[in-house]
Structures are given as structure tokens and as C-alpha cells.
Amino acid sequence: MQFPGLALIAAIIAAVLVLLTLSQGWRLRWLAGWLRGNLLLAALALAAVLGLAAWDLQSFRVIDGKGTAGTLSFTQVAPQQYDAVITTSAGEQRVRLAGDLWELEVQVLRWQGLASLIGLEDGYRLHRLLGRYLALEQQRGASSALAANLNSTPVWRDLWLWLDRVGGASLVHADAFEVRFVPLVDGARFSLEIGPTGLTPEPLNTQAKAALKRFQ
């Protein structure tokens, strides 16, 4: 009898609350105002999300067949220390890299469904340049300082990261290209060739050719 009794008590309390509400003068006007207020707040929240997405989208570039994302060159400044220069259509970036190998990460946005059908093209932006030591002891002792961010988007408004976490977006999805484990060689200069299927470093001088030969 416990649960039927509890159910009866809950039903009585609910009935009393309904009667009290009706006795105080039930009006639908306040409900309409509440709904309108919530809709306005939801619209403002959506506008803020779209605004932040638009802010981030401008940093992506179209992947149009086989093209060049930029050039990458290295100058050794000390043992296992290199200055890297990344030159793109947006300008030039200089970062300090440590290690024996370099890796490059690229964030990719791929349009799906209706967005793809209406002709939207996939996009990319350079994300991180990383150094890596061959010796496991050095690599374990290294910190996140081995990685250099190539875009200034903070994590809290990084559209690519949010899409990657959601995973099931119907119109756009987060993908990535990577170049990994290429030897760091003083004076090496590469062209970063990008296409729908990935990113490829093409040698622009003999040092870069030597680096890729060691990589293979």
C-alpha cells in the first residue's frame, strides 16, 4: 500500500496547487510573455554562437584541388634547436622548434549533405607545428613547449574543436591532415601541397630532398 498511498498524496497536493492557482486568477498573458522572453534569449544565444563561428570561419582557406598551403623552412640555431618560418597567403610566422623531427597538423572542415550539394568547398587551416626527439628519454622529458600553435584561436571558441567533440554534425564535420616524422635539417625548405586527400611536403632544395630521403 506504500506506493498507492504516496501516489494518492502526490495527486492531492497537485490538485490543491491547481485550485490555488485558479483561485488567484489564471491568465495566459504571463505564459505568453514567459515564452516570448525565452525565445528571445534563445535567439540571442544562437546569434552569439553564429557570430563566434563566423569569426573563426574566416581563418580557414578553401581546399581547391591540388594547391599550395604555403612554404616551410628551417634554420638550425643550436644543437636540436631550429627556427621555423611558415609563409602563407596570410603572411609569415616564425617559431622556435626543438627536436630531431618535425610534424605538422592541419585542421580540416568537410561539408556534408545539403551543404556539399549546394557547392560549399572543404576548408583548412594550419594548426600546430611540433618537434619530436628520437631519443625516448628526451621526448619523455620534453614538455608542451615542443608544439607551436599556428593559429591564434582560443580553445573556448575554436569551431573545429567543438565540431570534433560533437562528432555527429550533419552539415559539417571536423577532419585533420598530418605530416609526421620528417627529419629536421638545417636549411631545408618545403612547399606544403594540400588537396582533398591530405597534405604533402614537397622539397624546394637539396637539404629538403635529403630530409625526405631519410624520412622514407
Protein backbone atom coordinates (compact mmCIF):
# COMPACT_ATOMS: atom_id res chain seq x y z
CA MET A 1 0.00 0.00 0.00
CA GLN A 2 3.02 2.30 0.30
CA PHE A 3 3.25 3.37 -3.32
CA PRO A 4 -0.50 3.74 -3.94
CA GLY A 5 -0.62 5.84 -0.76
CA LEU A 6 2.27 8.02 -1.91
CA ALA A 7 0.60 8.38 -5.30
CA LEU A 8 -2.64 9.49 -3.63
CA ILE A 9 -0.83 12.09 -1.51
CA ALA A 10 1.01 13.44 -4.58
CA ALA A 11 -2.27 13.63 -6.51
CA ILE A 12 -3.97 15.53 -3.68
CA ILE A 13 -1.08 18.03 -3.47
CA ALA A 14 -1.23 18.53 -7.24
CA ALA A 15 -4.97 19.14 -7.12
CA VAL A 16 -4.57 21.67 -4.30
CA LEU A 17 -1.91 23.54 -6.25
CA VAL A 18 -4.16 23.68 -9.32
CA LEU A 19 -7.07 25.01 -7.25
CA LEU A 20 -4.84 27.65 -5.61
CA THR A 21 -3.57 28.77 -9.00
CA LEU A 22 -7.10 29.05 -10.42
CA SER A 23 -8.34 30.89 -7.36
CA GLN A 24 -5.62 33.53 -7.77
CA GLY A 25 -6.86 34.34 -11.27
CA TRP A 26 -5.35 32.20 -14.03
CA ARG A 27 -4.24 34.23 -17.00
CA LEU A 28 -2.46 33.10 -20.19
CA ARG A 29 -0.86 36.52 -20.68
CA TRP A 30 2.03 35.80 -18.32
CA LEU A 31 2.66 32.46 -20.06
CA ALA A 32 2.87 34.16 -23.45
CA GLY A 33 5.31 36.70 -22.02
CA TRP A 34 7.45 33.95 -20.50
CA LEU A 35 7.55 32.04 -23.78
CA ARG A 36 8.45 35.18 -25.72
CA GLY A 37 11.24 36.01 -23.27
CA ASN A 38 12.71 32.54 -23.56
CA LEU A 39 12.51 32.65 -27.35
CA LEU A 40 14.33 35.98 -27.36
CA LEU A 41 17.05 34.61 -25.08
CA ALA A 42 17.40 31.53 -27.31
CA ALA A 43 17.67 33.79 -30.39
CA LEU A 44 20.38 35.88 -28.70
CA ALA A 45 22.28 32.73 -27.72
CA LEU A 46 22.05 31.41 -31.30
CA ALA A 47 23.21 34.77 -32.66
CA ALA A 48 26.23 34.68 -30.31
CA VAL A 49 27.13 31.13 -31.42
CA LEU A 50 26.80 32.05 -35.11
CA GLY A 51 28.84 35.20 -34.58
CA LEU A 52 31.68 33.28 -32.93
CA ALA A 53 31.52 30.63 -35.68
CA ALA A 54 31.73 33.36 -38.34
CA TRP A 55 34.72 34.89 -36.54
CA ASP A 56 36.52 31.53 -36.65
CA LEU A 57 35.47 30.53 -40.18
CA GLN A 58 37.36 33.45 -41.70
CA SER A 59 40.67 31.81 -40.74
CA PHE A 60 40.01 28.78 -42.98
CA ARG A 61 41.07 28.55 -46.63
CA VAL A 62 39.38 26.57 -49.41
CA ILE A 63 40.84 23.21 -50.46
CA ASP A 64 40.57 23.63 -54.21
CA GLY A 65 42.05 20.62 -55.99
CA LYS A 66 45.82 20.47 -55.59
CA GLY A 67 47.17 23.75 -54.24
CA THR A 68 49.89 25.18 -52.04
CA ALA A 69 49.16 25.97 -48.41
CA GLY A 70 52.48 27.78 -48.07
CA THR A 71 56.17 27.14 -47.55
CA LEU A 72 58.10 25.91 -44.53
CA SER A 73 61.82 26.37 -43.94
CA PHE A 74 64.22 25.54 -41.11
CA THR A 75 67.42 27.16 -39.82
CA GLN A 76 69.45 25.45 -37.11
CA VAL A 77 70.40 27.81 -34.28
CA ALA A 78 71.79 25.29 -31.77
CA PRO A 79 72.02 21.51 -31.36
CA GLN A 80 68.45 20.21 -31.77
CA GLN A 81 67.14 23.79 -31.94
CA TYR A 82 65.66 25.27 -35.13
CA ASP A 83 63.97 28.44 -36.25
CA ALA A 84 61.00 27.55 -38.47
CA VAL A 85 59.46 30.04 -40.89
CA ILE A 86 55.96 29.35 -42.24
CA THR A 87 54.92 31.59 -45.13
CA THR A 88 51.29 31.58 -46.31
CA SER A 89 48.97 33.95 -48.15
CA ALA A 90 48.16 35.47 -44.75
CA GLY A 91 51.79 36.36 -44.01
CA GLU A 92 54.82 34.92 -42.28
CA GLN A 93 55.16 33.20 -38.91
CA ARG A 94 58.40 32.39 -37.09
CA VAL A 95 58.55 29.80 -34.32
CA ARG A 96 61.31 28.03 -32.40
CA LEU A 97 61.30 24.24 -32.67
CA ALA A 98 63.25 21.66 -30.65
CA GLY A 99 63.97 18.05 -31.55
CA ASP A 100 65.17 15.82 -34.37
CA LEU A 101 61.91 15.50 -36.34
CA TRP A 102 59.05 17.81 -37.26
CA GLU A 103 55.33 17.24 -37.58
CA LEU A 104 52.59 19.49 -38.92
CA GLU A 105 48.88 19.33 -38.06
CA VAL A 106 46.16 20.86 -40.22
CA GLN A 107 42.53 21.32 -39.20
CA VAL A 108 40.03 20.50 -41.96
CA LEU A 109 36.32 21.26 -42.25
CA ARG A 110 34.39 18.93 -44.56
CA TRP A 111 30.90 19.88 -45.72
CA GLN A 112 28.29 17.15 -45.88
CA GLY A 113 24.72 16.62 -47.07
CA LEU A 114 22.91 19.73 -48.30
CA ALA A 115 25.96 21.96 -47.68
CA SER A 116 28.02 19.81 -50.05
CA LEU A 117 25.21 19.60 -52.63
CA ILE A 118 24.94 23.39 -52.93
CA GLY A 119 28.65 23.57 -53.70
CA LEU A 120 30.37 24.56 -50.45
CA GLU A 121 34.05 23.57 -50.61
CA ASP A 122 36.06 21.95 -47.83
CA GLY A 123 38.44 24.20 -45.94
CA TYR A 124 41.65 24.01 -43.91
CA ARG A 125 43.93 25.99 -41.64
CA LEU A 126 47.41 25.22 -40.33
CA HIS A 127 47.09 24.25 -36.68
CA ARG A 128 50.32 23.17 -34.99
CA LEU A 129 53.98 22.62 -35.82
CA LEU A 130 55.63 20.12 -33.47
CA GLY A 131 59.14 18.94 -32.74
CA ARG A 132 59.95 15.41 -31.65
CA TYR A 133 63.12 13.82 -30.25
CA LEU A 134 64.38 10.48 -31.48
CA ALA A 135 65.67 9.57 -28.00
CA LEU A 136 62.78 8.39 -25.81
CA GLU A 137 64.40 9.86 -22.70
CA GLN A 138 64.47 13.33 -24.25
CA GLN A 139 60.93 13.00 -25.58
CA ARG A 140 59.57 11.94 -22.18
CA GLY A 141 61.33 14.83 -20.51
CA ALA A 142 60.08 17.33 -23.07
CA SER A 143 57.01 19.45 -22.38
CA SER A 144 54.28 21.02 -24.48
CA ALA A 145 56.87 23.64 -25.45
CA LEU A 146 57.71 21.31 -28.32
CA ALA A 147 54.47 22.41 -30.00
CA ALA A 148 53.93 25.80 -31.65
CA ASN A 149 50.37 26.96 -32.39
CA LEU A 150 49.96 28.41 -35.87
CA ASN A 151 46.52 29.94 -35.32
CA SER A 152 45.53 32.28 -32.51
CA THR A 153 42.02 30.93 -31.90
CA PRO A 154 41.48 30.25 -28.17
CA VAL A 155 40.15 26.81 -27.24
CA TRP A 156 36.82 28.12 -25.93
CA ARG A 157 35.78 29.44 -29.37
CA ASP A 158 37.65 27.01 -31.63
CA LEU A 159 34.93 25.90 -34.08
CA TRP A 160 36.95 22.88 -35.25
CA LEU A 161 37.41 21.59 -31.68
CA TRP A 162 33.71 21.95 -30.88
CA LEU A 163 32.72 20.11 -34.06
CA ASP A 164 35.27 17.40 -33.27
CA ARG A 165 33.75 16.95 -29.81
CA VAL A 166 30.19 16.84 -31.15
CA GLY A 167 31.20 14.37 -33.84
CA GLY A 168 27.74 13.99 -35.38
CA ALA A 169 27.15 17.34 -37.06
CA SER A 170 25.01 16.87 -40.16
CA LEU A 171 26.29 19.77 -42.29
CA VAL A 172 29.99 19.98 -41.44
CA HIS A 173 32.46 17.68 -39.82
CA ALA A 174 35.94 18.08 -38.35
CA ASP A 175 38.75 16.22 -40.10
CA ALA A 176 42.54 16.55 -39.94
CA PHE A 177 45.65 16.18 -42.09
CA GLU A 178 49.05 15.36 -40.60
CA VAL A 179 52.64 15.24 -41.77
CA ARG A 180 54.67 13.19 -39.31
CA PHE A 181 58.26 12.24 -38.52
CA VAL A 182 60.16 14.31 -41.09
CA PRO A 183 63.82 14.88 -40.09
CA LEU A 184 64.83 18.41 -39.15
CA VAL A 185 67.64 19.52 -41.48
CA ASP A 186 69.38 22.89 -41.45
CA GLY A 187 68.42 24.97 -44.49
CA ALA A 188 65.61 22.64 -45.63
CA ARG A 189 62.75 24.37 -47.42
CA PHE A 190 59.44 22.74 -48.33
CA SER A 191 56.32 23.61 -50.27
CA LEU A 192 53.21 22.42 -48.43
CA GLU A 193 50.96 20.93 -51.09
CA ILE A 194 47.37 20.36 -49.98
CA GLY A 195 44.50 18.56 -51.69
CA PRO A 196 41.24 16.80 -50.82
CA THR A 197 43.06 13.73 -49.50
CA GLY A 198 45.92 15.20 -47.50
CA LEU A 199 48.98 17.38 -47.05
CA THR A 200 52.33 16.64 -48.71
CA PRO A 201 55.69 18.39 -48.14
CA GLU A 202 57.44 18.91 -51.48
CA PRO A 203 61.20 19.64 -51.36
CA LEU A 204 62.35 23.00 -52.72
CA ASN A 205 66.10 22.47 -52.25
CA THR A 206 68.71 19.75 -51.77
CA GLN A 207 68.51 19.90 -47.98
CA ALA A 208 64.77 19.23 -48.09
CA LYS A 209 65.33 16.36 -50.54
CA ALA A 210 67.89 14.88 -48.14
CA ALA A 211 65.40 15.19 -45.25
CA LEU A 212 62.65 13.41 -47.18
CA LYS A 213 65.07 10.71 -48.32
CA ARG A 214 65.89 9.99 -44.67
CA PHE A 215 62.18 10.07 -43.90
CA GLN A 216 61.46 7.37 -46.49
